[in-house]
Amino acid sequence: MNHKAFISFCATFGIEPCEAEFKFHPERKWRFDFCFLRHKVAVEVEGGVWSNGRHTRGSGFIKDMEKYNAATELGWRILRFTPSQLGQSKTYETIKQTLYS
């Protein structure tokens, strides 16, 4: 799903606009796929779950853990979804619950 489609789905579910490809770390070049800056909530899309993609291979998994731990140290909450989950209403209900509860 592209950025415009994700943002459109968010609007459909009554979720405020988000930033795409947001560089969150002051020193590293890490970016979140999407983030809700005001709430410090990030959405990461984990591709290749069933095809041995970057996020599930050893080195990629370890690098993601480093990124997510650094983000947590900076006060971010991270929601992780697969690409197929971005088409499901449950995903947007989870995002909405995280943002507004």
PDB file of N, CA and C in Angstrom:
ATOM      1  N   MET A   1       0.857  -1.181   0.000  1.00  0.00           N
ATOM      2  CA  MET A   1       0.000   0.000   0.000  1.00  0.00           C
ATOM      3  C   MET A   1       0.896   1.234   0.000  1.00  0.00           C
ATOM      4  N   ASN A   2       0.585   2.192  -0.843  1.00  0.00           N
ATOM      5  CA  ASN A   2       1.392   3.406  -0.884  1.00  0.00           C
ATOM      6  C   ASN A   2       0.971   4.385   0.214  1.00  0.00           C
ATOM      7  N   HIS A   3       1.755   5.432   0.351  1.00  0.00           N
ATOM      8  CA  HIS A   3       1.513   6.397   1.426  1.00  0.00           C
ATOM      9  C   HIS A   3       0.153   7.068   1.317  1.00  0.00           C
ATOM     10  N   LYS A   4      -0.236   7.453   0.110  1.00  0.00           N
ATOM     11  CA  LYS A   4      -1.528   8.115  -0.073  1.00  0.00           C
ATOM     12  C   LYS A   4      -2.677   7.208   0.346  1.00  0.00           C
ATOM     13  N   ALA A   5      -2.582   5.932  -0.005  1.00  0.00           N
ATOM     14  CA  ALA A   5      -3.645   4.984   0.342  1.00  0.00           C
ATOM     15  C   ALA A   5      -3.737   4.815   1.860  1.00  0.00           C
ATOM     16  N   PHE A   6      -2.590   4.717   2.525  1.00  0.00           N
ATOM     17  CA  PHE A   6      -2.608   4.574   3.986  1.00  0.00           C
ATOM     18  C   PHE A   6      -3.254   5.801   4.626  1.00  0.00           C
ATOM     19  N   ILE A   7      -2.849   6.969   4.194  1.00  0.00           N
ATOM     20  CA  ILE A   7      -3.397   8.213   4.751  1.00  0.00           C
ATOM     21  C   ILE A   7      -4.896   8.299   4.472  1.00  0.00           C
ATOM     22  N   SER A   8      -5.324   7.854   3.300  1.00  0.00           N
ATOM     23  CA  SER A   8      -6.749   7.832   2.956  1.00  0.00           C
ATOM     24  C   SER A   8      -7.510   6.873   3.872  1.00  0.00           C
ATOM     25  N   PHE A   9      -6.957   5.682   4.106  1.00  0.00           N
ATOM     26  CA  PHE A   9      -7.589   4.729   5.017  1.00  0.00           C
ATOM     27  C   PHE A   9      -7.707   5.333   6.409  1.00  0.00           C
ATOM     28  N   CYS A  10      -6.677   6.017   6.860  1.00  0.00           N
ATOM     29  CA  CYS A  10      -6.727   6.663   8.178  1.00  0.00           C
ATOM     30  C   CYS A  10      -7.897   7.642   8.244  1.00  0.00           C
ATOM     31  N   ALA A  11      -8.035   8.466   7.219  1.00  0.00           N
ATOM     32  CA  ALA A  11      -9.130   9.439   7.196  1.00  0.00           C
ATOM     33  C   ALA A  11     -10.486   8.743   7.236  1.00  0.00           C
ATOM     34  N   THR A  12     -10.612   7.638   6.514  1.00  0.00           N
ATOM     35  CA  THR A  12     -11.857   6.872   6.501  1.00  0.00           C
ATOM     36  C   THR A  12     -12.247   6.419   7.903  1.00  0.00           C
ATOM     37  N   PHE A  13     -11.258   6.085   8.714  1.00  0.00           N
ATOM     38  CA  PHE A  13     -11.508   5.604  10.070  1.00  0.00           C
ATOM     39  C   PHE A  13     -11.457   6.718  11.118  1.00  0.00           C
ATOM     40  N   GLY A  14     -11.420   7.965  10.671  1.00  0.00           N
ATOM     41  CA  GLY A  14     -11.448   9.087  11.607  1.00  0.00           C
ATOM     42  C   GLY A  14     -10.136   9.326  12.328  1.00  0.00           C
ATOM     43  N   ILE A  15      -9.039   8.958  11.680  1.00  0.00           N
ATOM     44  CA  ILE A  15      -7.713   9.140  12.268  1.00  0.00           C
ATOM     45  C   ILE A  15      -7.058  10.340  11.612  1.00  0.00           C
ATOM     46  N   GLU A  16      -6.443  11.158  12.417  1.00  0.00           N
ATOM     47  CA  GLU A  16      -5.801  12.373  11.915  1.00  0.00           C
ATOM     48  C   GLU A  16      -4.696  12.059  10.907  1.00  0.00           C
ATOM     49  N   PRO A  17      -4.327  13.029  10.085  1.00  0.00           N
ATOM     50  CA  PRO A  17      -3.247  12.816   9.115  1.00  0.00           C
ATOM     51  C   PRO A  17      -1.924  12.470   9.808  1.00  0.00           C
ATOM     52  N   CYS A  18      -1.090  11.756   9.079  1.00  0.00           N
ATOM     53  CA  CYS A  18       0.195  11.344   9.637  1.00  0.00           C
ATOM     54  C   CYS A  18       1.324  11.787   8.719  1.00  0.00           C
ATOM     55  N   GLU A  19       2.530  11.642   9.222  1.00  0.00           N
ATOM     56  CA  GLU A  19       3.736  11.897   8.441  1.00  0.00           C
ATOM     57  C   GLU A  19       4.196  10.572   7.838  1.00  0.00           C
ATOM     58  N   ALA A  20       4.732  10.611   6.640  1.00  0.00           N
ATOM     59  CA  ALA A  20       5.299   9.418   6.021  1.00  0.00           C
ATOM     60  C   ALA A  20       6.813   9.580   5.927  1.00  0.00           C
ATOM     61  N   GLU A  21       7.529   8.483   6.119  1.00  0.00           N
ATOM     62  CA  GLU A  21       8.994   8.468   6.027  1.00  0.00           C
ATOM     63  C   GLU A  21       9.623   9.534   6.932  1.00  0.00           C
ATOM     64  N   PHE A  22       9.203   9.544   8.182  1.00  0.00           N
ATOM     65  CA  PHE A  22       9.659  10.544   9.147  1.00  0.00           C
ATOM     66  C   PHE A  22      10.979  10.124   9.782  1.00  0.00           C
ATOM     67  N   LYS A  23      11.999  10.979   9.686  1.00  0.00           N
ATOM     68  CA  LYS A  23      13.302  10.731  10.314  1.00  0.00           C
ATOM     69  C   LYS A  23      13.194  11.120  11.791  1.00  0.00           C
ATOM     70  N   PHE A  24      13.207  10.123  12.662  1.00  0.00           N
ATOM     71  CA  PHE A  24      12.932  10.365  14.077  1.00  0.00           C
ATOM     72  C   PHE A  24      14.171  10.495  14.949  1.00  0.00           C
ATOM     73  N   HIS A  25      15.297  10.019  14.489  1.00  0.00           N
ATOM     74  CA  HIS A  25      16.480   9.975  15.344  1.00  0.00           C
ATOM     75  C   HIS A  25      17.406  11.153  15.025  1.00  0.00           C
ATOM     76  N   PRO A  26      17.957  11.816  16.061  1.00  0.00           N
ATOM     77  CA  PRO A  26      18.785  12.998  15.815  1.00  0.00           C
ATOM     78  C   PRO A  26      20.126  12.693  15.144  1.00  0.00           C
ATOM     79  N   GLU A  27      20.623  11.458  15.276  1.00  0.00           N
ATOM     80  CA  GLU A  27      21.943  11.127  14.728  1.00  0.00           C
ATOM     81  C   GLU A  27      21.895  10.079  13.618  1.00  0.00           C
ATOM     82  N   ARG A  28      21.034   9.117  13.744  1.00  0.00           N
ATOM     83  CA  ARG A  28      20.948   8.041  12.753  1.00  0.00           C
ATOM     84  C   ARG A  28      19.999   8.435  11.630  1.00  0.00           C
ATOM     85  N   LYS A  29      20.055   7.729  10.524  1.00  0.00           N
ATOM     86  CA  LYS A  29      19.195   8.030   9.382  1.00  0.00           C
ATOM     87  C   LYS A  29      17.899   7.232   9.401  1.00  0.00           C
ATOM     88  N   TRP A  30      17.572   6.664  10.533  1.00  0.00           N
ATOM     89  CA  TRP A  30      16.367   5.849  10.651  1.00  0.00           C
ATOM     90  C   TRP A  30      15.112   6.667  10.368  1.00  0.00           C
ATOM     91  N   ARG A  31      14.164   6.024   9.739  1.00  0.00           N
ATOM     92  CA  ARG A  31      12.864   6.641   9.454  1.00  0.00           C
ATOM     93  C   ARG A  31      11.761   5.676   9.846  1.00  0.00           C
ATOM     94  N   PHE A  32      10.625   6.252  10.237  1.00  0.00           N
ATOM     95  CA  PHE A  32       9.413   5.462  10.428  1.00  0.00           C
ATOM     96  C   PHE A  32       8.658   5.450   9.112  1.00  0.00           C
ATOM     97  N   ASP A  33       7.969   4.362   8.822  1.00  0.00           N
ATOM     98  CA  ASP A  33       7.129   4.331   7.627  1.00  0.00           C
ATOM     99  C   ASP A  33       6.060   5.409   7.733  1.00  0.00           C
ATOM    100  N   PHE A  34       5.398   5.468   8.881  1.00  0.00           N
ATOM    101  CA  PHE A  34       4.393   6.493   9.163  1.00  0.00           C
ATOM    102  C   PHE A  34       4.498   6.871  10.630  1.00  0.00           C
ATOM    103  N   CYS A  35       4.127   8.099  10.950  1.00  0.00           N
ATOM    104  CA  CYS A  35       4.073   8.458  12.370  1.00  0.00           C
ATOM    105  C   CYS A  35       3.032   9.544  12.609  1.00  0.00           C
ATOM    106  N   PHE A  36       2.551   9.522  13.818  1.00  0.00           N
ATOM    107  CA  PHE A  36       1.617  10.528  14.316  1.00  0.00           C
ATOM    108  C   PHE A  36       2.414  11.325  15.344  1.00  0.00           C
ATOM    109  N   LEU A  37       3.022  12.382  14.848  1.00  0.00           N
ATOM    110  CA  LEU A  37       4.017  13.146  15.596  1.00  0.00           C
ATOM    111  C   LEU A  37       3.505  13.639  16.941  1.00  0.00           C
ATOM    112  N   ARG A  38       2.315  14.177  16.950  1.00  0.00           N
ATOM    113  CA  ARG A  38       1.739  14.748  18.176  1.00  0.00           C
ATOM    114  C   ARG A  38       1.621  13.705  19.287  1.00  0.00           C
ATOM    115  N   HIS A  39       1.397  12.458  18.904  1.00  0.00           N
ATOM    116  CA  HIS A  39       1.206  11.383  19.881  1.00  0.00           C
ATOM    117  C   HIS A  39       2.468  10.542  20.086  1.00  0.00           C
ATOM    118  N   LYS A  40       3.493  10.796  19.268  1.00  0.00           N
ATOM    119  CA  LYS A  40       4.722   9.988  19.269  1.00  0.00           C
ATOM    120  C   LYS A  40       4.397   8.504  19.094  1.00  0.00           C
ATOM    121  N   VAL A  41       3.551   8.234  18.103  1.00  0.00           N
ATOM    122  CA  VAL A  41       3.189   6.866  17.737  1.00  0.00           C
ATOM    123  C   VAL A  41       3.661   6.633  16.304  1.00  0.00           C
ATOM    124  N   ALA A  42       4.413   5.546  16.116  1.00  0.00           N
ATOM    125  CA  ALA A  42       4.918   5.188  14.795  1.00  0.00           C
ATOM    126  C   ALA A  42       4.220   3.934  14.297  1.00  0.00           C
ATOM    127  N   VAL A  43       4.067   3.846  12.983  1.00  0.00           N
ATOM    128  CA  VAL A  43       3.544   2.648  12.336  1.00  0.00           C
ATOM    129  C   VAL A  43       4.638   2.138  11.399  1.00  0.00           C
ATOM    130  N   GLU A  44       5.060   0.920  11.627  1.00  0.00           N
ATOM    131  CA  GLU A  44       6.068   0.284  10.795  1.00  0.00           C
ATOM    132  C   GLU A  44       5.441  -0.864  10.020  1.00  0.00           C
ATOM    133  N   VAL A  45       5.742  -0.934   8.740  1.00  0.00           N
ATOM    134  CA  VAL A  45       5.214  -1.986   7.876  1.00  0.00           C
ATOM    135  C   VAL A  45       6.329  -3.010   7.672  1.00  0.00           C
ATOM    136  N   GLU A  46       6.088  -4.216   8.153  1.00  0.00           N
ATOM    137  CA  GLU A  46       7.094  -5.280   8.131  1.00  0.00           C
ATOM    138  C   GLU A  46       6.837  -6.205   6.952  1.00  0.00           C
ATOM    139  N   GLY A  47       7.519  -5.971   5.869  1.00  0.00           N
ATOM    140  CA  GLY A  47       7.333  -6.776   4.671  1.00  0.00           C
ATOM    141  C   GLY A  47       8.155  -8.056   4.688  1.00  0.00           C
ATOM    142  N   GLY A  48       7.854  -8.935   3.774  1.00  0.00           N
ATOM    143  CA  GLY A  48       8.623 -10.160   3.586  1.00  0.00           C
ATOM    144  C   GLY A  48       8.502 -11.181   4.695  1.00  0.00           C
ATOM    145  N   VAL A  49       7.401 -11.150   5.425  1.00  0.00           N
ATOM    146  CA  VAL A  49       7.218 -12.056   6.556  1.00  0.00           C
ATOM    147  C   VAL A  49       7.276 -13.518   6.110  1.00  0.00           C
ATOM    148  N   TRP A  50       6.674 -13.828   4.986  1.00  0.00           N
ATOM    149  CA  TRP A  50       6.591 -15.224   4.523  1.00  0.00           C
ATOM    150  C   TRP A  50       7.614 -15.544   3.444  1.00  0.00           C
ATOM    151  N   SER A  51       8.405 -14.576   3.036  1.00  0.00           N
ATOM    152  CA  SER A  51       9.338 -14.816   1.930  1.00  0.00           C
ATOM    153  C   SER A  51      10.791 -14.557   2.321  1.00  0.00           C
ATOM    154  N   ASN A  52      11.066 -14.657   3.612  1.00  0.00           N
ATOM    155  CA  ASN A  52      12.427 -14.436   4.106  1.00  0.00           C
ATOM    156  C   ASN A  52      12.941 -13.052   3.710  1.00  0.00           C
ATOM    157  N   GLY A  53      12.090 -12.047   3.887  1.00  0.00           N
ATOM    158  CA  GLY A  53      12.446 -10.675   3.554  1.00  0.00           C
ATOM    159  C   GLY A  53      13.389 -10.055   4.567  1.00  0.00           C
ATOM    160  N   ARG A  54      13.789  -8.845   4.331  1.00  0.00           N
ATOM    161  CA  ARG A  54      14.765  -8.130   5.144  1.00  0.00           C
ATOM    162  C   ARG A  54      14.405  -8.111   6.626  1.00  0.00           C
ATOM    163  N   HIS A  55      13.125  -7.944   6.935  1.00  0.00           N
ATOM    164  CA  HIS A  55      12.712  -7.815   8.333  1.00  0.00           C
ATOM    165  C   HIS A  55      12.736  -9.141   9.089  1.00  0.00           C
ATOM    166  N   THR A  56      12.812 -10.253   8.376  1.00  0.00           N
ATOM    167  CA  THR A  56      12.776 -11.549   9.061  1.00  0.00           C
ATOM    168  C   THR A  56      14.108 -12.296   9.003  1.00  0.00           C
ATOM    169  N   ARG A  57      15.044 -11.826   8.215  1.00  0.00           N
ATOM    170  CA  ARG A  57      16.378 -12.439   8.198  1.00  0.00           C
ATOM    171  C   ARG A  57      17.149 -11.929   9.412  1.00  0.00           C
ATOM    172  N   GLY A  58      18.086 -12.703   9.876  1.00  0.00           N
ATOM    173  CA  GLY A  58      18.821 -12.394  11.099  1.00  0.00           C
ATOM    174  C   GLY A  58      19.343 -10.978  11.199  1.00  0.00           C
ATOM    175  N   SER A  59      20.148 -10.537  10.246  1.00  0.00           N
ATOM    176  CA  SER A  59      20.764  -9.210  10.352  1.00  0.00           C
ATOM    177  C   SER A  59      19.726  -8.094  10.290  1.00  0.00           C
ATOM    178  N   GLY A  60      18.727  -8.245   9.417  1.00  0.00           N
ATOM    179  CA  GLY A  60      17.677  -7.229   9.323  1.00  0.00           C
ATOM    180  C   GLY A  60      16.846  -7.160  10.583  1.00  0.00           C
ATOM    181  N   PHE A  61      16.546  -8.328  11.144  1.00  0.00           N
ATOM    182  CA  PHE A  61      15.765  -8.394  12.383  1.00  0.00           C
ATOM    183  C   PHE A  61      16.510  -7.690  13.512  1.00  0.00           C
ATOM    184  N   ILE A  62      17.812  -7.947  13.627  1.00  0.00           N
ATOM    185  CA  ILE A  62      18.621  -7.322  14.681  1.00  0.00           C
ATOM    186  C   ILE A  62      18.696  -5.810  14.480  1.00  0.00           C
ATOM    187  N   LYS A  63      18.850  -5.368  13.239  1.00  0.00           N
ATOM    188  CA  LYS A  63      18.887  -3.925  12.970  1.00  0.00           C
ATOM    189  C   LYS A  63      17.556  -3.268  13.307  1.00  0.00           C
ATOM    190  N   ASP A  64      16.449  -3.953  13.004  1.00  0.00           N
ATOM    191  CA  ASP A  64      15.133  -3.421  13.366  1.00  0.00           C
ATOM    192  C   ASP A  64      14.994  -3.313  14.884  1.00  0.00           C
ATOM    193  N   MET A  65      15.483  -4.317  15.604  1.00  0.00           N
ATOM    194  CA  MET A  65      15.413  -4.262  17.067  1.00  0.00           C
ATOM    195  C   MET A  65      16.185  -3.056  17.595  1.00  0.00           C
ATOM    196  N   GLU A  66      17.352  -2.792  17.043  1.00  0.00           N
ATOM    197  CA  GLU A  66      18.150  -1.633  17.454  1.00  0.00           C
ATOM    198  C   GLU A  66      17.374  -0.340  17.199  1.00  0.00           C
ATOM    199  N   LYS A  67      16.782  -0.240  16.030  1.00  0.00           N
ATOM    200  CA  LYS A  67      15.990   0.943  15.670  1.00  0.00           C
ATOM    201  C   LYS A  67      14.801   1.116  16.607  1.00  0.00           C
ATOM    202  N   TYR A  68      14.053   0.039  16.848  1.00  0.00           N
ATOM    203  CA  TYR A  68      12.863   0.135  17.688  1.00  0.00           C
ATOM    204  C   TYR A  68      13.219   0.439  19.141  1.00  0.00           C
ATOM    205  N   ASN A  69      14.298  -0.137  19.638  1.00  0.00           N
ATOM    206  CA  ASN A  69      14.729   0.165  21.011  1.00  0.00           C
ATOM    207  C   ASN A  69      15.165   1.616  21.140  1.00  0.00           C
ATOM    208  N   ALA A  70      15.885   2.131  20.152  1.00  0.00           N
ATOM    209  CA  ALA A  70      16.302   3.542  20.183  1.00  0.00           C
ATOM    210  C   ALA A  70      15.078   4.448  20.147  1.00  0.00           C
ATOM    211  N   ALA A  71      14.082   4.096  19.336  1.00  0.00           N
ATOM    212  CA  ALA A  71      12.857   4.890  19.271  1.00  0.00           C
ATOM    213  C   ALA A  71      12.129   4.875  20.612  1.00  0.00           C
ATOM    214  N   THR A  72      12.072   3.726  21.251  1.00  0.00           N
ATOM    215  CA  THR A  72      11.422   3.615  22.562  1.00  0.00           C
ATOM    216  C   THR A  72      12.147   4.472  23.586  1.00  0.00           C
ATOM    217  N   GLU A  73      13.467   4.480  23.540  1.00  0.00           N
ATOM    218  CA  GLU A  73      14.249   5.326  24.452  1.00  0.00           C
ATOM    219  C   GLU A  73      13.921   6.805  24.254  1.00  0.00           C
ATOM    220  N   LEU A  74      13.520   7.170  23.042  1.00  0.00           N
ATOM    221  CA  LEU A  74      13.153   8.558  22.747  1.00  0.00           C
ATOM    222  C   LEU A  74      11.676   8.844  23.005  1.00  0.00           C
ATOM    223  N   GLY A  75      10.965   7.859  23.556  1.00  0.00           N
ATOM    224  CA  GLY A  75       9.576   8.079  23.941  1.00  0.00           C
ATOM    225  C   GLY A  75       8.536   7.683  22.911  1.00  0.00           C
ATOM    226  N   TRP A  76       8.921   6.981  21.851  1.00  0.00           N
ATOM    227  CA  TRP A  76       7.981   6.571  20.814  1.00  0.00           C
ATOM    228  C   TRP A  76       7.313   5.249  21.173  1.00  0.00           C
ATOM    229  N   ARG A  77       6.054   5.116  20.739  1.00  0.00           N
ATOM    230  CA  ARG A  77       5.344   3.836  20.770  1.00  0.00           C
ATOM    231  C   ARG A  77       5.264   3.368  19.330  1.00  0.00           C
ATOM    232  N   ILE A  78       5.530   2.097  19.106  1.00  0.00           N
ATOM    233  CA  ILE A  78       5.613   1.577  17.742  1.00  0.00           C
ATOM    234  C   ILE A  78       4.586   0.480  17.530  1.00  0.00           C
ATOM    235  N   LEU A  79       3.794   0.646  16.477  1.00  0.00           N
ATOM    236  CA  LEU A  79       2.848  -0.379  16.045  1.00  0.00           C
ATOM    237  C   LEU A  79       3.413  -1.005  14.785  1.00  0.00           C
ATOM    238  N   ARG A  80       3.421  -2.326  14.730  1.00  0.00           N
ATOM    239  CA  ARG A  80       4.002  -3.038  13.592  1.00  0.00           C
ATOM    240  C   ARG A  80       2.926  -3.869  12.901  1.00  0.00           C
ATOM    241  N   PHE A  81       2.877  -3.744  11.563  1.00  0.00           N
ATOM    242  CA  PHE A  81       1.893  -4.465  10.771  1.00  0.00           C
ATOM    243  C   PHE A  81       2.545  -5.022   9.513  1.00  0.00           C
ATOM    244  N   THR A  82       1.960  -6.074   8.973  1.00  0.00           N
ATOM    245  CA  THR A  82       2.386  -6.577   7.667  1.00  0.00           C
ATOM    246  C   THR A  82       1.659  -5.776   6.596  1.00  0.00           C
ATOM    247  N   PRO A  83       2.157  -5.800   5.364  1.00  0.00           N
ATOM    248  CA  PRO A  83       1.454  -5.078   4.302  1.00  0.00           C
ATOM    249  C   PRO A  83      -0.012  -5.510   4.152  1.00  0.00           C
ATOM    250  N   SER A  84      -0.283  -6.796   4.281  1.00  0.00           N
ATOM    251  CA  SER A  84      -1.674  -7.246   4.124  1.00  0.00           C
ATOM    252  C   SER A  84      -2.569  -6.727   5.248  1.00  0.00           C
ATOM    253  N   GLN A  85      -2.018  -6.498   6.416  1.00  0.00           N
ATOM    254  CA  GLN A  85      -2.817  -5.969   7.521  1.00  0.00           C
ATOM    255  C   GLN A  85      -3.240  -4.524   7.287  1.00  0.00           C
ATOM    256  N   LEU A  86      -2.534  -3.809   6.417  1.00  0.00           N
ATOM    257  CA  LEU A  86      -2.902  -2.411   6.147  1.00  0.00           C
ATOM    258  C   LEU A  86      -4.238  -2.302   5.438  1.00  0.00           C
ATOM    259  N   GLY A  87      -4.738  -3.388   4.894  1.00  0.00           N
ATOM    260  CA  GLY A  87      -6.040  -3.388   4.251  1.00  0.00           C
ATOM    261  C   GLY A  87      -7.167  -3.844   5.160  1.00  0.00           C
ATOM    262  N   GLN A  88      -6.877  -4.034   6.437  1.00  0.00           N
ATOM    263  CA  GLN A  88      -7.876  -4.556   7.373  1.00  0.00           C
ATOM    264  C   GLN A  88      -8.347  -3.483   8.352  1.00  0.00           C
ATOM    265  N   SER A  89      -9.642  -3.438   8.585  1.00  0.00           N
ATOM    266  CA  SER A  89     -10.192  -2.431   9.497  1.00  0.00           C
ATOM    267  C   SER A  89      -9.638  -2.574  10.906  1.00  0.00           C
ATOM    268  N   LYS A  90      -9.327  -3.799  11.336  1.00  0.00           N
ATOM    269  CA  LYS A  90      -8.776  -4.015  12.680  1.00  0.00           C
ATOM    270  C   LYS A  90      -7.486  -3.212  12.890  1.00  0.00           C
ATOM    271  N   THR A  91      -6.682  -3.086  11.844  1.00  0.00           N
ATOM    272  CA  THR A  91      -5.437  -2.315  11.930  1.00  0.00           C
ATOM    273  C   THR A  91      -5.728  -0.867  12.289  1.00  0.00           C
ATOM    274  N   TYR A  92      -6.719  -0.281  11.635  1.00  0.00           N
ATOM    275  CA  TYR A  92      -7.027   1.127  11.867  1.00  0.00           C
ATOM    276  C   TYR A  92      -7.717   1.337  13.207  1.00  0.00           C
ATOM    277  N   GLU A  93      -8.460   0.348  13.649  1.00  0.00           N
ATOM    278  CA  GLU A  93      -9.038   0.422  14.994  1.00  0.00           C
ATOM    279  C   GLU A  93      -7.926   0.373  16.041  1.00  0.00           C
ATOM    280  N   THR A  94      -6.911  -0.436  15.800  1.00  0.00           N
ATOM    281  CA  THR A  94      -5.754  -0.504  16.719  1.00  0.00           C
ATOM    282  C   THR A  94      -5.035   0.828  16.760  1.00  0.00           C
ATOM    283  N   ILE A  95      -4.804   1.412  15.603  1.00  0.00           N
ATOM    284  CA  ILE A  95      -4.130   2.721  15.545  1.00  0.00           C
ATOM    285  C   ILE A  95      -4.968   3.763  16.277  1.00  0.00           C
ATOM    286  N   LYS A  96      -6.243   3.771  15.994  1.00  0.00           N
ATOM    287  CA  LYS A  96      -7.149   4.751  16.618  1.00  0.00           C
ATOM    288  C   LYS A  96      -7.165   4.580  18.150  1.00  0.00           C
ATOM    289  N   GLN A  97      -7.249   3.355  18.602  1.00  0.00           N
ATOM    290  CA  GLN A  97      -7.238   3.074  20.046  1.00  0.00           C
ATOM    291  C   GLN A  97      -5.929   3.557  20.685  1.00  0.00           C
ATOM    292  N   THR A  98      -4.831   3.326  19.996  1.00  0.00           N
ATOM    293  CA  THR A  98      -3.532   3.746  20.535  1.00  0.00           C
ATOM    294  C   THR A  98      -3.410   5.264  20.598  1.00  0.00           C
ATOM    295  N   LEU A  99      -3.911   5.933  19.586  1.00  0.00           N
ATOM    296  CA  LEU A  99      -3.805   7.387  19.532  1.00  0.00           C
ATOM    297  C   LEU A  99      -4.725   8.104  20.521  1.00  0.00           C
ATOM    298  N   TYR A 100      -5.939   7.591  20.663  1.00  0.00           N
ATOM    299  CA  TYR A 100      -6.965   8.360  21.368  1.00  0.00           C
ATOM    300  C   TYR A 100      -7.418   7.761  22.698  1.00  0.00           C
ATOM    301  N   SER A 101      -6.660   6.833  23.238  1.00  0.00           N
ATOM    302  CA  SER A 101      -7.059   6.295  24.549  1.00  0.00           C
ATOM    303  C   SER A 101      -6.106   6.766  25.634  1.00  0.00           C
TER     304      SER A 101
END
